[in-house]
Amino acid sequence: MKCLGLIGLGMIGGSIAAGLKRALPETRIVALDVSDDALRYGLSEGLIDDIAPTINDLMRMSDVICLCVPIKQLSTLMPALGAFSGVVTDVGSVKGPIVRLAEALWGQLPSNWVPAHPIAGSEQHSVRAARNDLFEAHKVILTPGDNVQGHAVELVSNLWRSLGADVVVMSVAHHDDILAQTSHLPHLLAYTLVDVLAGFGDEREVFEYAAGGFRDFSRIAASDPVMWHDIFLTNKGPLLDRLRTVIEALEATATLIEEEASDALLERLSRAKSARDYFADLQIQPAKKVL
């Protein structure tokens, strides 16, 4: 990879650039973004080497292009990329829409496309929050099509490994269901809780008395609303399935409290604690399977 083209220079795109500047300083990085401020910052901080005025310029300058934009912006960008002969990848949290749009445009996902999703990030969403170690010891999921070129998968895998990530491969459907459970649903619950609490009390007085539990649970509701709006709508099938299960579980828990079913309530809380302890243990263990 001689030159990486980034479409979108936010926190994720900026962190890819920062990490590559540390790991592969010989790689040239060019960026395309609607924000002149983000591009100026990227140049001034040495995150990128050049700005591409148009997507055609970016394709001419790059041999790999990474899409780092909200899902709903892809429909305006993907058609032009059909003429790109290099490798295309992305960082989107939902993969189904990319495949469906590619099928509508070209009949299938092109063989030079390798969809990817880094399981890393924060509630911040500006290039000013970019970190060169953001992806270290985090998983990156690849969802390549059956017709994918082997060298394209290898190139994208090596890109993420150079940033310290562990690479795994799974199907598009499995990815979107897993992420609906582990990422999309928690964000939806956090946004909903904060919105509900904001309607209580006088002038959001309730937040003056919130402690660490609220801070920890609600932190992700500070994420980019536009990005999460797109994710919720584009992955609505798996997300709604899991959300309805949670709604039923909340109703069941409310009944246990109302009926003072002490043993059953304690069993449910203990089961949840055991699952959370298991998750905590996983965070300190090395990945069991990587590509």
C-alpha atoms as a PDB file:
ATOM      1  CA  MET A   1       0.000   0.000   0.000  1.00  0.00           C
ATOM      2  CA  LYS A   2       1.714   3.143  -1.219  1.00  0.00           C
ATOM      3  CA  CYS A   3      -1.138   5.599  -0.666  1.00  0.00           C
ATOM      4  CA  LEU A   4      -4.280   5.308   1.478  1.00  0.00           C
ATOM      5  CA  GLY A   5      -7.226   7.504   0.589  1.00  0.00           C
ATOM      6  CA  LEU A   6      -9.575   8.357   3.437  1.00  0.00           C
ATOM      7  CA  ILE A   7     -13.119   9.506   2.715  1.00  0.00           C
ATOM      8  CA  GLY A   8     -14.119  11.108   5.987  1.00  0.00           C
ATOM      9  CA  LEU A   9     -11.609  12.524   8.457  1.00  0.00           C
ATOM     10  CA  GLY A  10     -13.381  12.210  11.795  1.00  0.00           C
ATOM     11  CA  MET A  11     -12.230  10.383  14.902  1.00  0.00           C
ATOM     12  CA  ILE A  12     -12.002   6.962  13.226  1.00  0.00           C
ATOM     13  CA  GLY A  13     -10.463   8.193   9.975  1.00  0.00           C
ATOM     14  CA  GLY A  14      -8.083  10.414  11.900  1.00  0.00           C
ATOM     15  CA  SER A  15      -7.068   7.539  14.166  1.00  0.00           C
ATOM     16  CA  ILE A  16      -6.356   5.308  11.171  1.00  0.00           C
ATOM     17  CA  ALA A  17      -4.147   8.070   9.778  1.00  0.00           C
ATOM     18  CA  ALA A  18      -2.408   8.661  13.112  1.00  0.00           C
ATOM     19  CA  GLY A  19      -1.774   4.956  13.616  1.00  0.00           C
ATOM     20  CA  LEU A  20      -0.366   4.487  10.129  1.00  0.00           C
ATOM     21  CA  LYS A  21       1.903   7.504  10.516  1.00  0.00           C
ATOM     22  CA  ARG A  22       3.398   5.731  13.523  1.00  0.00           C
ATOM     23  CA  ALA A  23       3.449   2.167  12.158  1.00  0.00           C
ATOM     24  CA  LEU A  24       3.999   2.700   8.428  1.00  0.00           C
ATOM     25  CA  PRO A  25       5.407   6.230   8.039  1.00  0.00           C
ATOM     26  CA  GLU A  26       6.319   5.584   4.402  1.00  0.00           C
ATOM     27  CA  THR A  27       2.611   5.254   3.516  1.00  0.00           C
ATOM     28  CA  ARG A  28       1.180   8.404   1.965  1.00  0.00           C
ATOM     29  CA  ILE A  29      -2.284   9.426   3.233  1.00  0.00           C
ATOM     30  CA  VAL A  30      -4.722  11.678   1.388  1.00  0.00           C
ATOM     31  CA  ALA A  31      -8.172  12.661   2.581  1.00  0.00           C
ATOM     32  CA  LEU A  32     -11.500  13.866   1.251  1.00  0.00           C
ATOM     33  CA  ASP A  33     -14.000  15.461   3.630  1.00  0.00           C
ATOM     34  CA  VAL A  34     -16.836  18.003   3.535  1.00  0.00           C
ATOM     35  CA  SER A  35     -15.229  19.802   6.480  1.00  0.00           C
ATOM     36  CA  ASP A  36     -12.413  22.137   5.490  1.00  0.00           C
ATOM     37  CA  ASP A  37     -11.606  22.548   9.174  1.00  0.00           C
ATOM     38  CA  ALA A  38     -11.034  18.807   9.604  1.00  0.00           C
ATOM     39  CA  LEU A  39      -8.785  18.713   6.551  1.00  0.00           C
ATOM     40  CA  ARG A  40      -6.776  21.733   7.681  1.00  0.00           C
ATOM     41  CA  TYR A  41      -6.342  20.153  11.109  1.00  0.00           C
ATOM     42  CA  GLY A  42      -5.239  16.874   9.562  1.00  0.00           C
ATOM     43  CA  LEU A  43      -2.587  18.642   7.512  1.00  0.00           C
ATOM     44  CA  SER A  44      -1.366  20.843  10.355  1.00  0.00           C
ATOM     45  CA  GLU A  45      -1.007  17.861  12.716  1.00  0.00           C
ATOM     46  CA  GLY A  46       0.720  15.693  10.149  1.00  0.00           C
ATOM     47  CA  LEU A  47      -2.076  13.118  10.052  1.00  0.00           C
ATOM     48  CA  ILE A  48      -2.463  13.412   6.287  1.00  0.00           C
ATOM     49  CA  ASP A  49      -0.105  14.367   3.493  1.00  0.00           C
ATOM     50  CA  ASP A  50      -2.533  15.858   1.028  1.00  0.00           C
ATOM     51  CA  ILE A  51      -6.164  16.808   0.369  1.00  0.00           C
ATOM     52  CA  ALA A  52      -8.134  15.367  -2.542  1.00  0.00           C
ATOM     53  CA  PRO A  53     -10.467  18.019  -3.988  1.00  0.00           C
ATOM     54  CA  THR A  54     -12.834  15.406  -5.468  1.00  0.00           C
ATOM     55  CA  ILE A  55     -13.478  11.677  -5.269  1.00  0.00           C
ATOM     56  CA  ASN A  56     -11.980  11.304  -8.751  1.00  0.00           C
ATOM     57  CA  ASP A  57      -8.795  12.938  -7.514  1.00  0.00           C
ATOM     58  CA  LEU A  58      -8.770  10.586  -4.519  1.00  0.00           C
ATOM     59  CA  MET A  59      -9.080   7.534  -6.764  1.00  0.00           C
ATOM     60  CA  ARG A  60      -6.259   8.787  -8.958  1.00  0.00           C
ATOM     61  CA  MET A  61      -3.962   9.352  -5.983  1.00  0.00           C
ATOM     62  CA  SER A  62      -4.725   6.190  -3.947  1.00  0.00           C
ATOM     63  CA  ASP A  63      -4.274   2.456  -4.288  1.00  0.00           C
ATOM     64  CA  VAL A  64      -6.478   1.744  -1.247  1.00  0.00           C
ATOM     65  CA  ILE A  65      -9.578   3.727  -0.256  1.00  0.00           C
ATOM     66  CA  CYS A  66     -11.261   3.524   3.146  1.00  0.00           C
ATOM     67  CA  LEU A  67     -14.772   4.898   3.618  1.00  0.00           C
ATOM     68  CA  CYS A  68     -15.114   6.516   7.058  1.00  0.00           C
ATOM     69  CA  VAL A  69     -18.505   8.189   6.708  1.00  0.00           C
ATOM     70  CA  PRO A  70     -22.017   7.570   8.106  1.00  0.00           C
ATOM     71  CA  ILE A  71     -23.819   4.696   6.405  1.00  0.00           C
ATOM     72  CA  LYS A  72     -26.460   6.843   4.707  1.00  0.00           C
ATOM     73  CA  GLN A  73     -23.781   8.862   2.898  1.00  0.00           C
ATOM     74  CA  LEU A  74     -22.576   5.783   1.043  1.00  0.00           C
ATOM     75  CA  SER A  75     -25.291   6.012  -1.619  1.00  0.00           C
ATOM     76  CA  THR A  76     -23.737   9.232  -2.924  1.00  0.00           C
ATOM     77  CA  LEU A  77     -20.164   7.906  -2.850  1.00  0.00           C
ATOM     78  CA  MET A  78     -20.276   4.276  -3.918  1.00  0.00           C
ATOM     79  CA  PRO A  79     -21.342   4.748  -7.563  1.00  0.00           C
ATOM     80  CA  ALA A  80     -18.134   6.618  -8.405  1.00  0.00           C
ATOM     81  CA  LEU A  81     -15.990   3.955  -6.731  1.00  0.00           C
ATOM     82  CA  GLY A  82     -17.088   1.377  -9.273  1.00  0.00           C
ATOM     83  CA  ALA A  83     -14.364   2.771 -11.532  1.00  0.00           C
ATOM     84  CA  PHE A  84     -11.631   2.337  -8.900  1.00  0.00           C
ATOM     85  CA  SER A  85      -9.193  -0.487  -9.638  1.00  0.00           C
ATOM     86  CA  GLY A  86      -7.549  -0.512  -6.211  1.00  0.00           C
ATOM     87  CA  VAL A  87      -8.860  -2.001  -2.963  1.00  0.00           C
ATOM     88  CA  VAL A  88     -11.882  -0.494  -1.196  1.00  0.00           C
ATOM     89  CA  THR A  89     -12.745  -0.988   2.458  1.00  0.00           C
ATOM     90  CA  ASP A  90     -14.775   0.830   5.104  1.00  0.00           C
ATOM     91  CA  VAL A  91     -15.357   1.107   8.859  1.00  0.00           C
ATOM     92  CA  GLY A  92     -19.152   0.972   8.995  1.00  0.00           C
ATOM     93  CA  SER A  93     -21.003  -0.556  11.938  1.00  0.00           C
ATOM     94  CA  VAL A  94     -23.595  -2.142   9.600  1.00  0.00           C
ATOM     95  CA  LYS A  95     -22.655  -4.243   6.583  1.00  0.00           C
ATOM     96  CA  GLY A  96     -25.979  -5.249   5.029  1.00  0.00           C
ATOM     97  CA  PRO A  97     -26.657  -1.838   3.430  1.00  0.00           C
ATOM     98  CA  ILE A  98     -23.233  -1.815   1.750  1.00  0.00           C
ATOM     99  CA  VAL A  99     -23.814  -5.218   0.176  1.00  0.00           C
ATOM    100  CA  ARG A 100     -27.374  -4.367  -0.897  1.00  0.00           C
ATOM    101  CA  LEU A 101     -26.276  -1.079  -2.469  1.00  0.00           C
ATOM    102  CA  ALA A 102     -23.420  -2.834  -4.281  1.00  0.00           C
ATOM    103  CA  GLU A 103     -25.857  -5.445  -5.586  1.00  0.00           C
ATOM    104  CA  ALA A 104     -28.182  -2.701  -6.842  1.00  0.00           C
ATOM    105  CA  LEU A 105     -25.283  -0.924  -8.563  1.00  0.00           C
ATOM    106  CA  TRP A 106     -23.219  -3.798  -9.947  1.00  0.00           C
ATOM    107  CA  GLY A 107     -25.071  -7.052  -9.230  1.00  0.00           C
ATOM    108  CA  GLN A 108     -22.739  -8.056  -6.407  1.00  0.00           C
ATOM    109  CA  LEU A 109     -20.083  -6.704  -4.062  1.00  0.00           C
ATOM    110  CA  PRO A 110     -17.033  -6.054  -6.268  1.00  0.00           C
ATOM    111  CA  SER A 111     -14.135  -8.467  -5.815  1.00  0.00           C
ATOM    112  CA  ASN A 112     -11.823  -5.621  -4.768  1.00  0.00           C
ATOM    113  CA  TRP A 113     -14.090  -4.599  -1.832  1.00  0.00           C
ATOM    114  CA  VAL A 114     -13.427  -5.824   1.700  1.00  0.00           C
ATOM    115  CA  PRO A 115     -15.980  -4.449   4.194  1.00  0.00           C
ATOM    116  CA  ALA A 116     -14.472  -3.983   7.647  1.00  0.00           C
ATOM    117  CA  HIS A 117     -15.577  -2.828  11.063  1.00  0.00           C
ATOM    118  CA  PRO A 118     -13.154  -1.910  13.883  1.00  0.00           C
ATOM    119  CA  ILE A 119     -14.681  -2.676  17.292  1.00  0.00           C
ATOM    120  CA  ALA A 120     -13.160   0.425  18.826  1.00  0.00           C
ATOM    121  CA  GLY A 121     -14.035   4.054  19.277  1.00  0.00           C
ATOM    122  CA  SER A 122     -15.427   6.502  21.779  1.00  0.00           C
ATOM    123  CA  GLU A 123     -18.277   8.936  22.213  1.00  0.00           C
ATOM    124  CA  GLN A 124     -16.096  11.620  20.591  1.00  0.00           C
ATOM    125  CA  HIS A 125     -16.419  12.146  16.867  1.00  0.00           C
ATOM    126  CA  SER A 126     -13.981  14.802  15.729  1.00  0.00           C
ATOM    127  CA  VAL A 127     -10.593  14.387  14.109  1.00  0.00           C
ATOM    128  CA  ARG A 128      -9.275  16.268  17.122  1.00  0.00           C
ATOM    129  CA  ALA A 129     -10.022  13.146  19.172  1.00  0.00           C
ATOM    130  CA  ALA A 130      -7.876  10.955  16.896  1.00  0.00           C
ATOM    131  CA  ARG A 131      -5.474   8.562  18.653  1.00  0.00           C
ATOM    132  CA  ASN A 132      -2.657   6.557  17.138  1.00  0.00           C
ATOM    133  CA  ASP A 133      -3.347   3.641  19.522  1.00  0.00           C
ATOM    134  CA  LEU A 134      -7.149   3.534  19.222  1.00  0.00           C
ATOM    135  CA  PHE A 135      -7.254   0.093  17.575  1.00  0.00           C
ATOM    136  CA  GLU A 136      -4.553  -1.658  19.605  1.00  0.00           C
ATOM    137  CA  ALA A 137      -5.774  -4.963  21.116  1.00  0.00           C
ATOM    138  CA  HIS A 138      -9.224  -4.456  19.567  1.00  0.00           C
ATOM    139  CA  LYS A 139     -10.946  -6.702  17.060  1.00  0.00           C
ATOM    140  CA  VAL A 140     -11.631  -5.707  13.487  1.00  0.00           C
ATOM    141  CA  ILE A 141     -14.291  -7.750  11.677  1.00  0.00           C
ATOM    142  CA  LEU A 142     -14.001  -8.335   7.933  1.00  0.00           C
ATOM    143  CA  THR A 143     -17.040  -9.455   5.917  1.00  0.00           C
ATOM    144  CA  PRO A 144     -15.682 -10.152   2.405  1.00  0.00           C
ATOM    145  CA  GLY A 145     -17.880 -11.539  -0.356  1.00  0.00           C
ATOM    146  CA  ASP A 146     -17.453 -15.034  -1.783  1.00  0.00           C
ATOM    147  CA  ASN A 147     -15.826 -13.614  -4.930  1.00  0.00           C
ATOM    148  CA  VAL A 148     -13.289 -11.444  -3.119  1.00  0.00           C
ATOM    149  CA  GLN A 149      -9.719 -11.238  -4.369  1.00  0.00           C
ATOM    150  CA  GLY A 150      -7.364 -12.945  -1.921  1.00  0.00           C
ATOM    151  CA  HIS A 151      -4.781 -10.193  -2.081  1.00  0.00           C
ATOM    152  CA  ALA A 152      -7.441  -7.608  -1.163  1.00  0.00           C
ATOM    153  CA  VAL A 153      -8.295  -9.453   2.063  1.00  0.00           C
ATOM    154  CA  GLU A 154      -4.598  -9.822   2.846  1.00  0.00           C
ATOM    155  CA  LEU A 155      -3.930  -6.137   2.230  1.00  0.00           C
ATOM    156  CA  VAL A 156      -6.831  -4.940   4.421  1.00  0.00           C
ATOM    157  CA  SER A 157      -5.932  -7.461   7.129  1.00  0.00           C
ATOM    158  CA  ASN A 158      -2.335  -6.238   7.171  1.00  0.00           C
ATOM    159  CA  LEU A 159      -3.502  -2.628   7.323  1.00  0.00           C
ATOM    160  CA  TRP A 160      -5.440  -3.330  10.531  1.00  0.00           C
ATOM    161  CA  ARG A 161      -2.724  -5.533  12.011  1.00  0.00           C
ATOM    162  CA  SER A 162      -0.243  -2.700  11.527  1.00  0.00           C
ATOM    163  CA  LEU A 163      -2.525  -0.639  13.790  1.00  0.00           C
ATOM    164  CA  GLY A 164      -2.362  -3.337  16.483  1.00  0.00           C
ATOM    165  CA  ALA A 165      -5.783  -4.890  15.841  1.00  0.00           C
ATOM    166  CA  ASP A 166      -6.835  -8.554  15.793  1.00  0.00           C
ATOM    167  CA  VAL A 167      -8.603  -9.463  12.538  1.00  0.00           C
ATOM    168  CA  VAL A 168     -11.552 -11.871  12.390  1.00  0.00           C
ATOM    169  CA  VAL A 169     -13.828 -12.832   9.497  1.00  0.00           C
ATOM    170  CA  MET A 170     -17.562 -13.532   9.545  1.00  0.00           C
ATOM    171  CA  SER A 171     -20.621 -13.262   7.322  1.00  0.00           C
ATOM    172  CA  VAL A 172     -22.503 -10.005   6.831  1.00  0.00           C
ATOM    173  CA  ALA A 173     -25.671 -11.338   8.496  1.00  0.00           C
ATOM    174  CA  HIS A 174     -23.794 -12.648  11.527  1.00  0.00           C
ATOM    175  CA  HIS A 175     -21.906  -9.381  11.898  1.00  0.00           C
ATOM    176  CA  ASP A 176     -25.050  -7.249  11.799  1.00  0.00           C
ATOM    177  CA  ASP A 177     -26.823  -9.441  14.364  1.00  0.00           C
ATOM    178  CA  ILE A 178     -23.848  -9.518  16.734  1.00  0.00           C
ATOM    179  CA  LEU A 179     -23.400  -5.755  16.534  1.00  0.00           C
ATOM    180  CA  ALA A 180     -27.126  -5.180  17.049  1.00  0.00           C
ATOM    181  CA  GLN A 181     -26.721  -6.928  20.402  1.00  0.00           C
ATOM    182  CA  THR A 182     -23.371  -5.627  21.585  1.00  0.00           C
ATOM    183  CA  SER A 183     -23.270  -2.080  20.201  1.00  0.00           C
ATOM    184  CA  HIS A 184     -26.456  -0.803  18.570  1.00  0.00           C
ATOM    185  CA  LEU A 185     -28.845  -1.886  21.335  1.00  0.00           C
ATOM    186  CA  PRO A 186     -26.704  -0.447  24.191  1.00  0.00           C
ATOM    187  CA  HIS A 187     -26.452   2.871  22.349  1.00  0.00           C
ATOM    188  CA  LEU A 188     -30.202   2.946  21.737  1.00  0.00           C
ATOM    189  CA  LEU A 189     -30.892   2.235  25.421  1.00  0.00           C
ATOM    190  CA  ALA A 190     -28.426   4.918  26.535  1.00  0.00           C
ATOM    191  CA  TYR A 191     -29.929   7.557  24.240  1.00  0.00           C
ATOM    192  CA  THR A 192     -33.435   6.616  25.367  1.00  0.00           C
ATOM    193  CA  LEU A 193     -32.577   6.712  29.079  1.00  0.00           C
ATOM    194  CA  VAL A 194     -30.954  10.136  28.849  1.00  0.00           C
ATOM    195  CA  ASP A 195     -33.861  11.485  26.815  1.00  0.00           C
ATOM    196  CA  VAL A 196     -36.391  10.141  29.345  1.00  0.00           C
ATOM    197  CA  LEU A 197     -34.490  11.511  32.331  1.00  0.00           C
ATOM    198  CA  ALA A 198     -34.139  14.888  30.630  1.00  0.00           C
ATOM    199  CA  GLY A 199     -37.921  15.133  30.778  1.00  0.00           C
ATOM    200  CA  PHE A 200     -38.063  14.601  34.539  1.00  0.00           C
ATOM    201  CA  GLY A 201     -37.771  17.321  37.177  1.00  0.00           C
ATOM    202  CA  ASP A 202     -37.252  21.027  36.601  1.00  0.00           C
ATOM    203  CA  GLU A 203     -34.756  22.201  33.965  1.00  0.00           C
ATOM    204  CA  ARG A 204     -33.019  18.788  33.960  1.00  0.00           C
ATOM    205  CA  GLU A 205     -32.452  19.013  37.704  1.00  0.00           C
ATOM    206  CA  VAL A 206     -32.137  15.239  37.880  1.00  0.00           C
ATOM    207  CA  PHE A 207     -28.687  15.358  36.280  1.00  0.00           C
ATOM    208  CA  GLU A 208     -27.331  17.386  39.199  1.00  0.00           C
ATOM    209  CA  TYR A 209     -27.754  14.334  41.409  1.00  0.00           C
ATOM    210  CA  ALA A 210     -26.577  11.642  39.006  1.00  0.00           C
ATOM    211  CA  ALA A 211     -23.615   9.579  40.185  1.00  0.00           C
ATOM    212  CA  GLY A 212     -21.087   7.234  38.612  1.00  0.00           C
ATOM    213  CA  GLY A 213     -23.591   4.612  37.534  1.00  0.00           C
ATOM    214  CA  PHE A 214     -25.472   7.083  35.374  1.00  0.00           C
ATOM    215  CA  ARG A 215     -22.228   8.545  34.028  1.00  0.00           C
ATOM    216  CA  ASP A 216     -20.878   5.140  32.995  1.00  0.00           C
ATOM    217  CA  PHE A 217     -24.109   3.915  31.418  1.00  0.00           C
ATOM    218  CA  SER A 218     -24.984   7.136  29.633  1.00  0.00           C
ATOM    219  CA  ARG A 219     -21.514   8.018  28.308  1.00  0.00           C
ATOM    220  CA  ILE A 220     -22.198   6.593  24.859  1.00  0.00           C
ATOM    221  CA  ALA A 221     -25.254   8.831  24.464  1.00  0.00           C
ATOM    222  CA  ALA A 222     -22.727  11.616  23.805  1.00  0.00           C
ATOM    223  CA  SER A 223     -21.844   9.935  20.489  1.00  0.00           C
ATOM    224  CA  ASP A 224     -22.632  11.457  17.097  1.00  0.00           C
ATOM    225  CA  PRO A 225     -26.458  11.464  16.724  1.00  0.00           C
ATOM    226  CA  VAL A 226     -26.314  11.505  12.923  1.00  0.00           C
ATOM    227  CA  MET A 227     -24.136   8.410  12.807  1.00  0.00           C
ATOM    228  CA  TRP A 228     -26.327   6.491  15.247  1.00  0.00           C
ATOM    229  CA  HIS A 229     -29.531   7.634  13.538  1.00  0.00           C
ATOM    230  CA  ASP A 230     -28.170   6.022  10.370  1.00  0.00           C
ATOM    231  CA  ILE A 231     -27.104   2.845  12.158  1.00  0.00           C
ATOM    232  CA  PHE A 232     -30.459   2.356  13.892  1.00  0.00           C
ATOM    233  CA  LEU A 233     -32.392   2.738  10.635  1.00  0.00           C
ATOM    234  CA  THR A 234     -30.092   0.661   8.432  1.00  0.00           C
ATOM    235  CA  ASN A 235     -29.853  -2.260  10.888  1.00  0.00           C
ATOM    236  CA  LYS A 236     -33.456  -2.049  12.062  1.00  0.00           C
ATOM    237  CA  GLY A 237     -34.306  -5.737  11.560  1.00  0.00           C
ATOM    238  CA  PRO A 238     -31.766  -7.278  13.968  1.00  0.00           C
ATOM    239  CA  LEU A 239     -31.971  -4.240  16.268  1.00  0.00           C
ATOM    240  CA  LEU A 240     -35.758  -4.379  16.664  1.00  0.00           C
ATOM    241  CA  ASP A 241     -35.659  -8.133  17.295  1.00  0.00           C
ATOM    242  CA  ARG A 242     -33.245  -7.637  20.177  1.00  0.00           C
ATOM    243  CA  LEU A 243     -35.023  -4.511  21.431  1.00  0.00           C
ATOM    244  CA  ARG A 244     -38.351  -6.331  21.697  1.00  0.00           C
ATOM    245  CA  THR A 245     -36.657  -9.051  23.757  1.00  0.00           C
ATOM    246  CA  VAL A 246     -35.283  -6.402  26.124  1.00  0.00           C
ATOM    247  CA  ILE A 247     -38.700  -4.731  26.416  1.00  0.00           C
ATOM    248  CA  GLU A 248     -40.204  -8.090  27.419  1.00  0.00           C
ATOM    249  CA  ALA A 249     -37.397  -8.610  29.936  1.00  0.00           C
ATOM    250  CA  LEU A 250     -37.965  -5.159  31.457  1.00  0.00           C
ATOM    251  CA  GLU A 251     -41.667  -5.910  31.806  1.00  0.00           C
ATOM    252  CA  ALA A 252     -40.812  -9.215  33.495  1.00  0.00           C
ATOM    253  CA  THR A 253     -38.414  -7.487  35.902  1.00  0.00           C
ATOM    254  CA  ALA A 254     -41.023  -4.841  36.693  1.00  0.00           C
ATOM    255  CA  THR A 255     -43.471  -7.638  37.550  1.00  0.00           C
ATOM    256  CA  LEU A 256     -40.936  -9.276  39.869  1.00  0.00           C
ATOM    257  CA  ILE A 257     -40.474  -5.989  41.711  1.00  0.00           C
ATOM    258  CA  GLU A 258     -44.197  -5.274  41.841  1.00  0.00           C
ATOM    259  CA  GLU A 259     -44.947  -8.730  43.236  1.00  0.00           C
ATOM    260  CA  GLU A 260     -41.888  -8.637  45.533  1.00  0.00           C
ATOM    261  CA  ALA A 261     -40.694 -11.921  44.087  1.00  0.00           C
ATOM    262  CA  SER A 262     -37.451 -11.704  46.024  1.00  0.00           C
ATOM    263  CA  ASP A 263     -35.867 -15.022  45.055  1.00  0.00           C
ATOM    264  CA  ALA A 264     -36.613 -14.665  41.342  1.00  0.00           C
ATOM    265  CA  LEU A 265     -35.387 -11.064  41.298  1.00  0.00           C
ATOM    266  CA  LEU A 266     -32.161 -11.994  43.081  1.00  0.00           C
ATOM    267  CA  GLU A 267     -31.640 -14.868  40.656  1.00  0.00           C
ATOM    268  CA  ARG A 268     -31.993 -12.535  37.683  1.00  0.00           C
ATOM    269  CA  LEU A 269     -29.577  -9.974  39.158  1.00  0.00           C
ATOM    270  CA  SER A 270     -27.050 -12.675  40.080  1.00  0.00           C
ATOM    271  CA  ARG A 271     -27.237 -14.174  36.597  1.00  0.00           C
ATOM    272  CA  ALA A 272     -26.556 -10.751  35.099  1.00  0.00           C
ATOM    273  CA  LYS A 273     -23.595 -10.171  37.426  1.00  0.00           C
ATOM    274  CA  SER A 274     -22.101 -13.529  36.483  1.00  0.00           C
ATOM    275  CA  ALA A 275     -22.396 -12.692  32.779  1.00  0.00           C
ATOM    276  CA  ARG A 276     -20.829  -9.260  33.347  1.00  0.00           C
ATOM    277  CA  ASP A 277     -17.935 -10.828  35.289  1.00  0.00           C
ATOM    278  CA  TYR A 278     -17.349 -13.200  32.373  1.00  0.00           C
ATOM    279  CA  PHE A 279     -17.239 -10.234  29.987  1.00  0.00           C
ATOM    280  CA  ALA A 280     -14.738  -8.446  32.251  1.00  0.00           C
ATOM    281  CA  ASP A 281     -12.479 -11.514  32.218  1.00  0.00           C
ATOM    282  CA  LEU A 282     -12.543 -11.588  28.423  1.00  0.00           C
ATOM    283  CA  GLN A 283     -11.190  -8.037  28.298  1.00  0.00           C
ATOM    284  CA  ILE A 284      -7.927  -9.084  29.923  1.00  0.00           C
ATOM    285  CA  GLN A 285      -7.403 -12.262  27.860  1.00  0.00           C
ATOM    286  CA  PRO A 286      -5.752 -12.386  24.433  1.00  0.00           C
ATOM    287  CA  ALA A 287      -7.982 -13.020  21.438  1.00  0.00           C
ATOM    288  CA  LYS A 288      -8.580 -16.737  20.931  1.00  0.00           C
ATOM    289  CA  LYS A 289      -8.947 -16.728  17.153  1.00  0.00           C
ATOM    290  CA  VAL A 290      -7.537 -14.333  14.607  1.00  0.00           C
ATOM    291  CA  LEU A 291      -7.256 -14.482  10.866  1.00  0.00           C
END
